[in-house]
Protein backbone atom coordinates (compact mmCIF):
# COMPACT_ATOMS: atom_id res chain seq x y z
CA MET A 1 -38.71 -43.44 -23.16
CA LYS A 2 -41.20 -41.34 -21.21
CA LYS A 3 -39.66 -42.52 -17.95
CA LYS A 4 -36.16 -41.43 -19.04
CA SER A 5 -37.49 -37.98 -20.03
CA THR A 6 -39.12 -37.60 -16.61
CA ILE A 7 -35.88 -38.53 -14.84
CA PHE A 8 -33.91 -36.08 -17.01
CA ALA A 9 -36.38 -33.28 -16.28
CA SER A 10 -36.19 -33.97 -12.55
CA LEU A 11 -32.40 -33.91 -12.58
CA PHE A 12 -32.40 -30.65 -14.58
CA PHE A 13 -34.81 -29.08 -12.05
CA LEU A 14 -32.59 -30.15 -9.15
CA LEU A 15 -29.54 -28.72 -10.92
CA LEU A 16 -31.26 -25.37 -11.47
CA THR A 17 -32.41 -25.31 -7.84
CA ASP A 18 -28.86 -25.97 -6.67
CA LEU A 19 -27.45 -23.25 -8.93
CA ASN A 20 -30.03 -20.77 -7.69
CA ALA A 21 -29.11 -21.62 -4.10
CA GLN A 22 -25.43 -21.07 -4.87
CA GLN A 23 -26.15 -17.72 -6.51
CA LYS A 24 -28.34 -16.42 -3.68
CA ASP A 25 -27.17 -13.06 -2.37
CA SER A 26 -25.66 -12.97 1.10
CA PHE A 27 -26.04 -10.03 3.46
CA ILE A 28 -24.01 -9.01 6.53
CA LEU A 29 -24.96 -6.18 8.88
CA LEU A 30 -22.17 -4.62 10.96
CA LYS A 31 -23.23 -2.74 14.11
CA PRO A 32 -20.34 -0.83 15.75
CA ASP A 33 -20.40 2.12 18.16
CA ARG A 34 -19.13 4.49 15.48
CA VAL A 35 -18.08 4.51 11.82
CA PHE A 36 -15.21 6.38 10.25
CA ASP A 37 -16.22 6.57 6.59
CA GLY A 38 -12.79 7.62 5.32
CA GLU A 39 -13.45 11.31 5.88
CA GLN A 40 -15.59 11.84 8.99
CA MET A 41 -16.54 9.99 12.18
CA HIS A 42 -20.22 9.08 12.63
CA LYS A 43 -22.18 7.75 15.59
CA GLY A 44 -25.33 5.70 15.16
CA TRP A 45 -24.26 4.29 11.80
CA ILE A 46 -24.53 0.71 10.63
CA VAL A 47 -23.11 -0.87 7.47
CA LEU A 48 -24.88 -3.46 5.30
CA ILE A 49 -22.81 -5.66 2.99
CA LYS A 50 -24.29 -7.44 -0.02
CA ASN A 51 -21.90 -10.14 -1.23
CA ASN A 52 -18.65 -8.18 -1.66
CA ILE A 53 -20.09 -4.67 -2.00
CA ILE A 54 -21.21 -2.05 0.54
CA GLU A 55 -24.99 -1.91 0.12
CA GLN A 56 -25.86 0.72 2.75
CA ALA A 57 -23.98 2.90 5.23
CA GLY A 58 -25.69 5.27 7.64
CA ALA A 59 -28.54 5.38 10.12
CA MET A 60 -30.71 2.26 10.32
CA SER A 61 -33.61 3.39 8.12
CA PHE A 62 -34.29 0.37 5.94
CA LYS A 63 -35.65 -3.16 6.24
CA LEU A 64 -33.08 -5.91 6.49
CA PRO A 65 -33.15 -8.62 3.82
CA ALA A 66 -34.21 -12.04 5.08
CA GLY A 67 -31.32 -14.14 6.34
CA THR A 68 -29.01 -11.19 7.04
CA LEU A 69 -26.10 -12.11 9.32
CA ILE A 70 -25.89 -9.50 12.09
CA ILE A 71 -22.50 -8.91 13.71
CA GLU A 72 -22.62 -6.86 16.90
CA LEU A 73 -19.44 -4.85 17.48
CA PRO A 74 -19.93 -2.99 20.79
CA GLY A 75 -17.17 -0.60 21.82
CA THR A 76 -15.62 -0.53 18.36
CA THR A 77 -15.00 1.82 15.46
CA LEU A 78 -15.60 0.61 11.92
CA LEU A 79 -13.20 1.93 9.24
CA PRO A 80 -12.39 1.33 5.59
CA GLY A 81 -9.64 -1.26 5.20
CA LEU A 82 -6.31 0.54 5.62
CA ILE A 83 -4.11 1.21 2.59
CA GLU A 84 -0.33 0.84 2.82
CA ALA A 85 1.20 3.29 0.33
CA HIS A 86 4.77 1.96 0.27
CA SER A 87 5.39 -1.73 0.80
CA HIS A 88 7.96 -4.35 -0.21
CA LEU A 89 6.40 -7.76 0.41
CA PHE A 90 9.50 -9.48 -0.99
CA LEU A 91 11.80 -7.96 1.65
CA HIS A 92 12.15 -8.70 5.34
CA PRO A 93 13.86 -6.67 8.11
CA TYR A 94 17.47 -5.76 7.43
CA ASN A 95 18.51 -6.71 10.96
CA GLU A 96 17.57 -10.29 10.01
CA THR A 97 19.31 -10.32 6.63
CA SER A 98 20.96 -7.40 4.85
CA TRP A 99 19.38 -6.07 1.66
CA ASN A 100 22.41 -7.23 -0.37
CA ASP A 101 22.17 -10.77 0.97
CA GLN A 102 18.43 -10.93 0.37
CA VAL A 103 18.98 -9.99 -3.27
CA LEU A 104 22.05 -12.16 -3.84
CA GLN A 105 21.71 -15.18 -1.55
CA GLU A 106 18.00 -15.86 -1.03
CA SER A 107 16.35 -17.83 -3.83
CA ARG A 108 13.25 -16.42 -5.45
CA ALA A 109 11.36 -19.45 -4.16
CA GLU A 110 12.35 -18.57 -0.59
CA ARG A 111 11.51 -14.92 -1.11
CA THR A 112 8.08 -15.80 -2.49
CA ALA A 113 7.45 -18.12 0.46
CA ARG A 114 8.32 -15.26 2.79
CA ALA A 115 6.10 -12.89 0.79
CA VAL A 116 3.12 -15.23 1.30
CA ASN A 117 3.59 -14.94 5.06
CA HIS A 118 4.10 -11.18 4.78
CA ALA A 119 0.88 -10.80 2.81
CA ARG A 120 -1.14 -12.64 5.45
CA ALA A 121 0.41 -10.62 8.31
CA THR A 122 -0.40 -7.40 6.45
CA LEU A 123 -4.04 -8.34 5.93
CA MET A 124 -4.53 -9.44 9.53
CA ALA A 125 -3.11 -6.10 10.70
CA GLY A 126 -6.03 -4.39 8.95
CA PHE A 127 -4.25 -3.32 5.77
CA THR A 128 -6.50 -4.60 3.01
CA THR A 129 -4.57 -2.90 0.18
CA VAL A 130 -0.86 -2.35 -0.42
CA ARG A 131 0.99 -0.39 -3.09
CA ASP A 132 4.04 -2.64 -3.45
CA LEU A 133 6.86 -0.56 -4.92
CA GLY A 134 9.36 -3.09 -6.23
CA THR A 135 10.34 -6.72 -5.77
CA GLU A 136 14.03 -5.80 -5.24
CA GLY A 137 15.50 -8.56 -7.37
CA SER A 138 12.52 -10.93 -7.46
CA MET A 139 11.64 -9.87 -10.99
CA TYR A 140 7.86 -10.06 -11.64
CA ASP A 141 7.00 -12.42 -8.78
CA ASP A 142 4.69 -9.80 -7.28
CA ALA A 143 2.39 -10.33 -10.27
CA GLY A 144 2.10 -14.02 -9.38
CA LEU A 145 1.55 -13.21 -5.71
CA LYS A 146 -1.18 -10.74 -6.61
CA LYS A 147 -2.91 -13.31 -8.81
CA ALA A 148 -2.75 -15.98 -6.09
CA ILE A 149 -4.41 -13.58 -3.65
CA GLU A 150 -7.10 -12.65 -6.17
CA LYS A 151 -7.81 -16.35 -6.77
CA LYS A 152 -8.01 -16.81 -2.96
CA VAL A 153 -5.22 -19.39 -3.07
CA ILE A 154 -3.68 -17.47 -0.15
CA PRO A 155 -4.99 -14.67 2.08
CA GLY A 156 -3.55 -11.23 1.50
CA PRO A 157 -4.30 -7.61 0.69
CA ARG A 158 -5.26 -6.16 -2.66
CA MET A 159 -2.00 -5.39 -4.43
CA ILE A 160 -1.08 -2.38 -6.53
CA ILE A 161 2.23 -3.58 -7.96
CA ALA A 162 5.28 -1.92 -9.52
CA THR A 163 7.20 -5.13 -10.43
CA ARG A 164 10.77 -3.83 -10.95
CA ALA A 165 11.79 -0.30 -10.00
CA ILE A 166 13.63 1.60 -12.76
CA VAL A 167 17.12 2.91 -12.02
CA ALA A 168 19.85 4.64 -14.03
CA LYS A 169 22.53 2.18 -15.09
CA GLY A 170 25.44 2.05 -12.67
CA THR A 171 23.68 3.75 -9.77
CA TYR A 172 21.94 0.97 -7.84
CA GLY A 173 23.04 -2.25 -6.17
CA PRO A 174 24.23 -4.66 -5.06
CA LYS A 175 27.73 -3.41 -5.86
CA SER A 176 30.76 -5.65 -6.36
CA ALA A 177 34.13 -4.74 -4.86
CA SER A 178 35.65 -5.67 -8.20
CA PRO A 179 34.88 -3.68 -11.38
CA ASP A 180 35.29 -6.97 -13.29
CA VAL A 181 32.29 -8.59 -11.58
CA ASP A 182 28.68 -7.66 -12.26
CA PHE A 183 26.16 -8.61 -9.61
CA PRO A 184 22.45 -9.20 -10.28
CA GLN A 185 20.64 -5.92 -9.59
CA GLY A 186 17.73 -5.17 -7.29
CA ALA A 187 16.00 -3.11 -9.98
CA ALA A 188 15.79 -2.66 -13.76
CA GLU A 189 18.74 -0.67 -15.15
CA VAL A 190 18.21 1.72 -18.06
CA ALA A 191 20.67 3.86 -20.00
CA GLY A 192 18.43 6.02 -22.17
CA ILE A 193 14.99 6.82 -23.52
CA GLU A 194 14.77 3.64 -25.62
CA ASP A 195 15.64 1.49 -22.59
CA ILE A 196 13.04 3.28 -20.47
CA THR A 197 10.33 2.90 -23.09
CA ARG A 198 11.08 -0.79 -23.51
CA GLU A 199 11.20 -1.38 -19.75
CA ILE A 200 7.90 0.38 -19.02
CA ARG A 201 6.10 -1.49 -21.77
CA THR A 202 7.59 -4.77 -20.56
CA GLN A 203 6.50 -4.07 -16.99
CA ILE A 204 2.97 -3.17 -18.05
CA GLY A 205 2.85 -6.39 -20.07
CA LYS A 206 3.95 -8.34 -17.00
CA GLY A 207 1.20 -6.78 -14.87
CA ALA A 208 2.56 -3.55 -13.36
CA ASP A 209 -0.16 -1.22 -11.99
CA VAL A 210 2.28 1.62 -11.25
CA ILE A 211 5.78 2.53 -12.44
CA LYS A 212 8.49 3.36 -9.92
CA ILE A 213 11.57 5.35 -10.89
CA TYR A 214 14.58 6.43 -8.82
CA ALA A 215 14.98 10.17 -9.37
CA ASP A 216 18.14 10.12 -7.25
CA TYR A 217 20.31 7.60 -5.44
CA ARG A 218 23.55 7.23 -3.48
CA TYR A 219 26.02 7.07 -6.38
CA GLY A 220 27.98 10.29 -5.88
CA LYS A 221 31.79 10.26 -5.64
CA ASP A 222 31.59 9.99 -1.87
CA GLY A 223 28.45 7.87 -1.79
CA GLU A 224 26.15 10.88 -1.49
CA ALA A 225 22.71 10.93 -3.10
CA ARG A 226 22.67 12.58 -6.53
CA PRO A 227 19.95 13.06 -9.19
CA THR A 228 19.89 10.23 -11.72
CA PHE A 229 17.56 11.37 -14.54
CA LEU A 230 16.96 14.67 -16.31
CA THR A 231 13.55 16.31 -15.96
CA GLU A 232 12.89 15.59 -19.64
CA THR A 233 13.65 11.89 -19.13
CA ILE A 234 11.26 11.68 -16.19
CA ALA A 235 8.61 13.50 -18.22
CA TRP A 236 9.08 10.92 -20.99
CA THR A 237 8.69 8.14 -18.41
CA VAL A 238 5.46 9.69 -17.14
CA ALA A 239 4.12 10.12 -20.69
CA ILE A 240 4.76 6.47 -21.59
CA ALA A 241 3.31 5.23 -18.29
CA ARG A 242 0.27 7.49 -18.54
CA SER A 243 -0.44 6.27 -22.06
CA GLY A 244 -0.98 2.88 -20.41
CA GLY A 245 -3.08 4.35 -17.59
CA ARG A 246 -0.32 4.03 -14.99
CA GLN A 247 1.03 6.54 -12.49
CA VAL A 248 4.72 7.07 -11.75
CA ALA A 249 6.05 7.02 -8.19
CA ALA A 250 9.50 8.56 -7.71
CA HIS A 251 12.08 7.72 -5.07
CA ALA A 252 13.61 11.11 -4.27
CA VAL A 253 15.46 12.38 -1.20
CA THR A 254 17.40 15.38 -2.53
CA PRO A 255 15.86 18.77 -3.34
CA GLU A 256 17.07 18.58 -6.95
CA GLY A 257 15.91 14.99 -7.41
CA MET A 258 12.53 15.95 -6.01
CA ARG A 259 12.33 19.06 -8.22
CA ARG A 260 13.07 17.08 -11.38
CA ALA A 261 10.52 14.41 -10.47
CA ILE A 262 7.83 16.99 -9.67
CA MET A 263 8.41 18.92 -12.89
CA GLY A 264 8.47 15.65 -14.78
CA GLY A 265 4.90 14.98 -13.68
CA VAL A 266 5.17 12.09 -11.21
CA SER A 267 2.20 11.36 -8.95
CA THR A 268 4.06 10.74 -5.70
CA ILE A 269 7.43 11.46 -4.12
CA GLU A 270 8.67 8.58 -1.98
CA HIS A 271 10.67 9.58 1.13
CA GLY A 272 11.29 13.27 0.36
CA ASP A 273 13.83 13.61 3.18
CA GLY A 274 15.48 16.77 1.81
CA GLY A 275 12.29 18.64 1.02
CA THR A 276 12.50 22.41 1.43
CA GLU A 277 9.73 24.98 1.67
CA GLU A 278 10.27 25.84 -2.01
CA ILE A 279 10.08 22.19 -3.04
CA PHE A 280 6.98 21.51 -0.95
CA LYS A 281 5.25 24.57 -2.41
CA LEU A 282 6.05 23.19 -5.85
CA MET A 283 4.59 19.82 -4.85
CA LYS A 284 1.38 21.48 -3.70
CA GLU A 285 1.16 23.55 -6.87
CA LYS A 286 1.69 20.52 -9.12
CA GLN A 287 -0.55 18.28 -6.94
CA VAL A 288 2.20 15.77 -6.20
CA ALA A 289 1.69 13.78 -2.99
CA LEU A 290 4.35 12.87 -0.43
CA CYS A 291 4.84 9.38 0.95
CA ALA A 292 7.19 10.21 3.82
CA THR A 293 8.16 6.69 5.08
CA LEU A 294 8.94 7.88 8.61
CA THR A 295 9.25 4.34 9.97
CA GLU A 296 11.97 3.36 7.52
CA ILE A 297 14.40 5.95 8.91
CA GLU A 298 13.63 5.13 12.54
CA ALA A 299 14.01 1.39 11.84
CA ASN A 300 17.37 1.80 10.12
CA GLU A 301 18.68 3.99 12.94
CA GLY A 302 17.53 1.34 15.38
CA TYR A 303 19.51 -1.31 13.50
CA LYS A 304 22.58 0.88 13.97
CA GLY A 305 22.07 0.76 17.74
CA TRP A 306 19.90 3.80 18.48
CA LYS A 307 17.42 3.20 21.32
CA LYS A 308 14.42 5.48 20.99
CA GLY A 309 13.45 7.22 24.21
CA ILE A 310 16.83 6.43 25.76
CA ASP A 311 19.51 7.73 23.40
CA PRO A 312 19.62 11.25 21.96
CA GLU A 313 17.69 11.53 18.74
CA PRO A 314 19.94 11.18 15.65
CA GLU A 315 20.19 14.25 13.45
CA ILE A 316 18.73 12.37 10.49
CA ILE A 317 15.51 11.74 12.43
CA THR A 318 15.35 15.32 13.72
CA GLN A 319 15.65 16.55 10.14
CA LYS A 320 13.03 14.08 8.95
CA ARG A 321 10.61 15.29 11.61
CA LYS A 322 11.16 18.92 10.55
CA SER A 323 10.72 18.02 6.89
CA PHE A 324 7.45 16.20 7.59
CA GLN A 325 6.14 19.12 9.63
CA LEU A 326 7.13 21.55 6.89
CA ALA A 327 5.27 19.47 4.30
CA MET A 328 2.15 19.56 6.49
CA LYS A 329 2.46 23.31 7.04
CA THR A 330 2.84 23.89 3.31
CA GLY A 331 -0.31 21.90 2.58
CA VAL A 332 1.22 18.98 0.68
CA THR A 333 -1.04 15.95 0.34
CA ILE A 334 0.50 13.25 2.52
CA CYS A 335 0.04 9.51 1.97
CA ALA A 336 0.43 6.93 4.72
CA GLY A 337 3.26 4.69 3.57
CA SER A 338 6.02 3.16 5.63
CA ASP A 339 8.52 1.29 3.39
CA VAL A 340 7.56 -1.87 5.29
CA GLY A 341 9.91 -4.71 4.50
CA VAL A 342 12.71 -2.64 5.96
CA PHE A 343 10.89 -3.55 9.20
CA SER A 344 8.40 -6.32 9.96
CA HIS A 345 5.26 -6.81 7.89
CA GLY A 346 2.18 -6.60 10.05
CA ASP A 347 3.70 -3.69 11.98
CA ASN A 348 2.50 -1.25 9.29
CA ALA A 349 0.53 0.78 11.85
CA LYS A 350 3.85 2.11 13.17
CA GLU A 351 3.82 4.67 10.34
CA MET A 352 0.42 5.97 11.43
CA GLU A 353 1.64 6.25 15.02
CA LEU A 354 4.72 8.21 13.92
CA MET A 355 2.65 10.52 11.72
CA ALA A 356 0.63 11.41 14.82
CA GLU A 357 3.77 11.67 16.95
CA TYR A 358 5.32 14.05 14.40
CA GLY A 359 2.30 16.35 14.61
CA MET A 360 -0.48 15.18 12.30
CA PRO A 361 -3.94 15.09 13.98
CA ALA A 362 -5.15 11.51 14.41
CA ILE A 363 -8.25 12.07 12.26
CA ASP A 364 -5.99 13.24 9.41
CA VAL A 365 -3.80 10.18 9.85
CA LEU A 366 -6.90 8.00 9.41
CA ARG A 367 -7.86 9.94 6.29
CA SER A 368 -4.34 9.56 4.94
CA ALA A 369 -4.41 5.76 5.32
CA THR A 370 -7.83 5.43 3.69
CA SER A 371 -9.51 8.03 1.45
CA VAL A 372 -6.38 10.11 0.73
CA ASN A 373 -4.38 7.09 -0.44
CA ALA A 374 -7.33 5.88 -2.53
CA ASP A 375 -7.73 9.31 -4.14
CA VAL A 376 -4.02 9.77 -4.83
CA PHE A 377 -3.65 6.30 -6.39
CA GLU A 378 -6.85 6.77 -8.44
CA TYR A 379 -8.72 3.92 -6.73
CA ALA A 380 -11.41 6.06 -5.10
CA GLY A 381 -14.16 4.31 -7.05
CA LYS A 382 -13.23 0.98 -5.47
CA ILE A 383 -11.71 1.36 -1.99
CA GLY A 384 -10.77 3.84 0.74
CA ARG A 385 -14.23 4.78 2.00
CA ILE A 386 -17.25 3.18 3.61
CA LYS A 387 -19.66 4.18 0.91
CA LYS A 388 -22.44 2.51 -1.07
CA GLY A 389 -21.10 0.73 -4.14
CA LEU A 390 -17.48 0.35 -3.01
CA PHE A 391 -15.79 -2.95 -2.23
CA ALA A 392 -16.49 -4.32 1.23
CA ASP A 393 -12.96 -3.82 2.59
CA ILE A 394 -13.71 -2.98 6.22
CA ILE A 395 -12.03 -3.32 9.60
CA ALA A 396 -13.14 -2.76 13.20
CA VAL A 397 -10.92 -1.69 16.08
CA GLU A 398 -11.52 -1.33 19.80
CA GLY A 399 -12.10 2.22 21.02
CA ASP A 400 -11.78 5.37 18.95
CA PRO A 401 -8.57 5.73 16.90
CA SER A 402 -9.35 9.39 16.22
CA ALA A 403 -8.91 9.97 19.98
CA ASP A 404 -5.86 7.71 20.29
CA ILE A 405 -4.20 6.50 17.10
CA LYS A 406 -2.73 3.50 18.95
CA ASN A 407 -6.22 1.99 18.93
CA ILE A 408 -5.67 1.26 15.25
CA ARG A 409 -3.70 -1.81 16.35
CA LYS A 410 -6.63 -3.25 18.35
CA ILE A 411 -8.13 -5.12 15.41
CA THR A 412 -11.33 -7.05 16.11
CA LEU A 413 -12.63 -7.56 12.56
CA VAL A 414 -11.00 -7.78 9.14
CA MET A 415 -13.13 -8.04 6.01
CA LYS A 416 -11.78 -7.87 2.47
CA ASP A 417 -13.97 -8.14 -0.61
CA GLY A 418 -16.86 -9.22 1.62
CA VAL A 419 -14.91 -12.14 3.11
CA ILE A 420 -14.33 -12.11 6.87
CA TYR A 421 -10.76 -13.07 7.82
CA LYS A 422 -10.92 -12.06 11.48
CA THR A 423 -13.89 -11.79 13.82
CA PRO A 424 -14.17 -10.62 17.45
CA ASN A 425 -14.01 -14.28 18.53
CA LYS A 426 -10.78 -15.11 16.67
């Protein structure tokens, strides 16, 4: 009996030793040329990671823990993982397959398979978080995708999901040529306050982190964009969403649609093509941010045959440029969000390049894609900065992107939640 007790005690000791070994903290030290912390650029900084959290960031003035892995990153800039403010992981470029055909003819299984690839491409491009604003007909599949990423079943960015966008009944698509045929819709249709309340609560129950509503859409008599909801209806939407701790993002391209959304209390305006000085002043006053999606318009014009740098610039792009510049001049908070899915996932940096091309200083573009997005989406306590206590979502790029924004594409390291997905040798 004594012998069996001794064997049991030995096995128990070995088990505890193994568990202790598994639970041992891991440390990684990153040594770049410079660090952009989400707000300012710093030289002479290093960053120490403990497990999945930033332990230290600043000058080297502390003793390294034993066993720290040191990663030398000469010639690089370290930044917080980039945040994509307007993504659709369940869409792919419209020059491959039209939006209608994606919604009507691609199975949800196929669309999820594509989304898995899109998520990986996004992460490897340095975007460690996406705000995904609608599955466009794939119901609540973004909730499953998000969970699979969190469980590390597949690689991908952190996801802030909207599940199904909310649209006024009869305004969205796909549209049938026959009034006797109803097609499946790319968003959730509502016809009144009760519908909206039910839909928001359903979406929250399915996992939505943010609610998206279409404040206007192309349903006018001649196909022009018109407002879809009254200000009071949008305010009700915001109140219900806020009671569940969720923000509301509003698709709005017309001045009146934007005005109603702003007065209704939304957190962000998506697109904002028709913004006027009056509207942008109202946005600033009400602290509503703009997600301009510059790339979406340029991509769609390209699909129509426009060749940038060769053909004359289409009026719609000229107007978009002026609108973006007016928003900057007025002092509106601007998020970096591209509407990726209209164009290829992994090419998200195109939006940052266009923001700089349209007149935003490169350092402000970097802020927009990191700390500004984190602040606007109310995730500043988790991501968006290189700061002690935040998640270790960090990238490194060659050169200095504050001197040339195109350097943001020269990714040499991608870390999300303390896990390295790309190193300088891969």
